[in-house]
N, C-alpha and C. Protein backbone atom coordinates (compact mmCIF):
# COMPACT_ATOMS: atom_id res chain seq x y z
N MET A 1 32.14 141.77 -65.56
CA MET A 1 31.99 140.07 -65.44
C MET A 1 30.93 140.40 -63.86
N ALA A 2 30.07 140.45 -64.19
CA ALA A 2 28.85 140.44 -63.38
C ALA A 2 28.82 140.21 -62.02
N ALA A 3 28.60 140.05 -60.99
CA ALA A 3 27.92 139.44 -59.71
C ALA A 3 27.17 137.76 -60.42
N GLY A 4 26.35 137.93 -60.60
CA GLY A 4 25.56 136.38 -60.81
C GLY A 4 26.71 135.90 -61.70
N GLY A 5 28.16 136.20 -62.23
CA GLY A 5 29.25 134.56 -62.88
C GLY A 5 28.18 135.72 -64.80
N ILE A 6 27.97 136.59 -65.38
CA ILE A 6 27.84 136.72 -66.36
C ILE A 6 28.98 137.56 -67.04
N LEU A 7 28.87 137.13 -68.19
CA LEU A 7 30.45 137.32 -68.48
C LEU A 7 30.09 138.35 -70.37
N GLY A 8 30.91 139.56 -70.72
CA GLY A 8 29.66 139.87 -71.93
C GLY A 8 30.92 141.11 -72.08
N LYS A 9 30.24 141.93 -73.23
CA LYS A 9 31.22 143.09 -73.16
C LYS A 9 30.56 143.87 -73.45
N VAL A 10 31.02 145.62 -72.74
CA VAL A 10 30.12 147.02 -72.29
C VAL A 10 29.79 147.31 -74.02
N THR A 11 28.71 147.55 -73.86
CA THR A 11 28.40 148.06 -75.17
C THR A 11 28.23 149.29 -75.09
N GLU A 12 26.64 149.90 -73.61
CA GLU A 12 26.57 151.82 -73.03
C GLU A 12 26.59 151.64 -72.19
N VAL A 13 27.24 152.77 -71.40
CA VAL A 13 27.02 152.87 -70.45
C VAL A 13 25.94 154.21 -70.32
N LYS A 14 25.16 153.42 -68.40
CA LYS A 14 24.05 154.80 -68.62
C LYS A 14 24.61 155.78 -67.24
N ASP A 15 22.81 156.75 -66.29
CA ASP A 15 23.79 157.19 -65.37
C ASP A 15 24.06 155.18 -63.90
N LEU A 16 22.80 154.78 -64.67
CA LEU A 16 22.62 153.73 -64.06
C LEU A 16 23.07 152.56 -63.97
N TYR A 17 22.44 152.87 -65.58
CA TYR A 17 22.66 151.10 -65.72
C TYR A 17 23.71 151.04 -66.97
N VAL A 18 23.95 149.87 -67.11
CA VAL A 18 25.10 149.40 -68.58
C VAL A 18 24.39 148.23 -69.01
N SER A 19 24.73 148.36 -70.48
CA SER A 19 24.03 147.39 -71.69
C SER A 19 25.44 146.94 -71.10
N ILE A 20 25.25 145.08 -71.23
CA ILE A 20 26.26 144.41 -71.76
C ILE A 20 25.13 143.50 -73.11
N GLU A 21 26.26 143.43 -74.00
CA GLU A 21 26.18 141.60 -74.83
C GLU A 21 26.70 140.59 -74.82
N ILE A 22 25.67 139.85 -74.47
CA ILE A 22 26.29 138.74 -74.07
C ILE A 22 26.57 136.83 -75.23
N ALA A 23 25.95 137.88 -75.93
CA ALA A 23 25.53 136.92 -77.26
C ALA A 23 25.70 137.47 -78.08
N SER A 24 26.24 137.51 -79.83
CA SER A 24 25.61 137.77 -80.91
C SER A 24 24.49 138.25 -81.06
N GLY A 25 24.29 140.24 -80.67
CA GLY A 25 23.16 140.56 -81.41
C GLY A 25 22.37 140.47 -79.64
N THR A 26 22.50 139.35 -79.09
CA THR A 26 22.22 139.47 -77.37
C THR A 26 22.72 140.82 -76.00
N VAL A 27 21.71 141.83 -76.25
CA VAL A 27 22.47 142.51 -75.46
C VAL A 27 20.97 142.61 -74.44
N ILE A 28 21.90 142.87 -72.70
CA ILE A 28 20.90 142.82 -71.22
C ILE A 28 21.30 143.79 -70.17
N LYS A 29 20.73 145.24 -69.48
CA LYS A 29 21.07 145.82 -69.40
C LYS A 29 20.79 145.57 -67.31
N LEU A 30 21.84 146.08 -66.74
CA LEU A 30 22.11 145.69 -65.21
C LEU A 30 22.71 147.01 -64.95
N GLN A 31 22.09 147.23 -63.45
CA GLN A 31 22.83 148.12 -62.55
C GLN A 31 23.95 147.60 -62.62
N LYS A 32 24.90 149.45 -62.64
CA LYS A 32 26.05 149.87 -62.47
C LYS A 32 26.40 148.58 -60.77
N SER A 33 25.58 148.91 -60.00
CA SER A 33 25.66 148.08 -59.61
C SER A 33 26.71 146.72 -58.95
N ALA A 34 25.58 145.66 -60.05
CA ALA A 34 25.74 144.66 -60.36
C ALA A 34 27.78 143.43 -61.12
N ILE A 35 28.56 145.05 -61.20
CA ILE A 35 29.11 144.49 -61.71
C ILE A 35 30.32 144.88 -60.82
N ALA A 36 30.92 143.12 -60.82
CA ALA A 36 31.47 142.79 -59.65
C ALA A 36 32.91 143.03 -60.39
N ASN A 37 32.70 142.70 -61.69
CA ASN A 37 35.26 142.67 -61.95
C ASN A 37 35.13 143.94 -63.24
N ILE A 38 35.86 143.56 -63.21
CA ILE A 38 36.23 144.41 -64.44
C ILE A 38 37.38 144.07 -65.57
N LEU A 39 37.08 142.97 -66.60
CA LEU A 39 38.64 141.97 -66.89
C LEU A 39 39.21 142.21 -67.98
N PRO A 40 40.51 141.90 -68.76
CA PRO A 40 41.02 142.43 -69.26
C PRO A 40 40.93 142.54 -70.57
N LYS A 41 41.07 142.96 -71.15
CA LYS A 41 40.42 142.52 -73.50
C LYS A 41 41.15 141.48 -73.68
N GLY A 42 40.23 140.06 -73.73
CA GLY A 42 40.69 139.40 -74.87
C GLY A 42 40.57 137.70 -73.67
N THR A 43 39.29 138.17 -72.75
CA THR A 43 39.75 137.33 -71.37
C THR A 43 38.49 136.24 -71.95
N ILE A 44 37.29 136.77 -72.99
CA ILE A 44 36.02 136.13 -73.19
C ILE A 44 36.30 135.47 -74.83
N ASP A 45 36.97 135.90 -75.15
CA ASP A 45 37.68 135.17 -76.17
C ASP A 45 38.50 134.05 -75.91
N SER A 46 39.50 133.81 -75.08
CA SER A 46 40.71 133.12 -74.48
C SER A 46 38.74 131.56 -74.14
N ILE A 47 38.57 131.74 -73.43
CA ILE A 47 37.57 131.16 -72.33
C ILE A 47 37.06 130.02 -73.76
């Protein structure tokens, strides 16, 4: 979960950035510092 409330699945982790898939085929990059929480597996599917 990003600080702005965006939920997604982490697909890639680099030095300063994280790639997050927010929809099928839609990937965004965020700074690691923008990650607010790590949620358990299955959380997104249950929403």
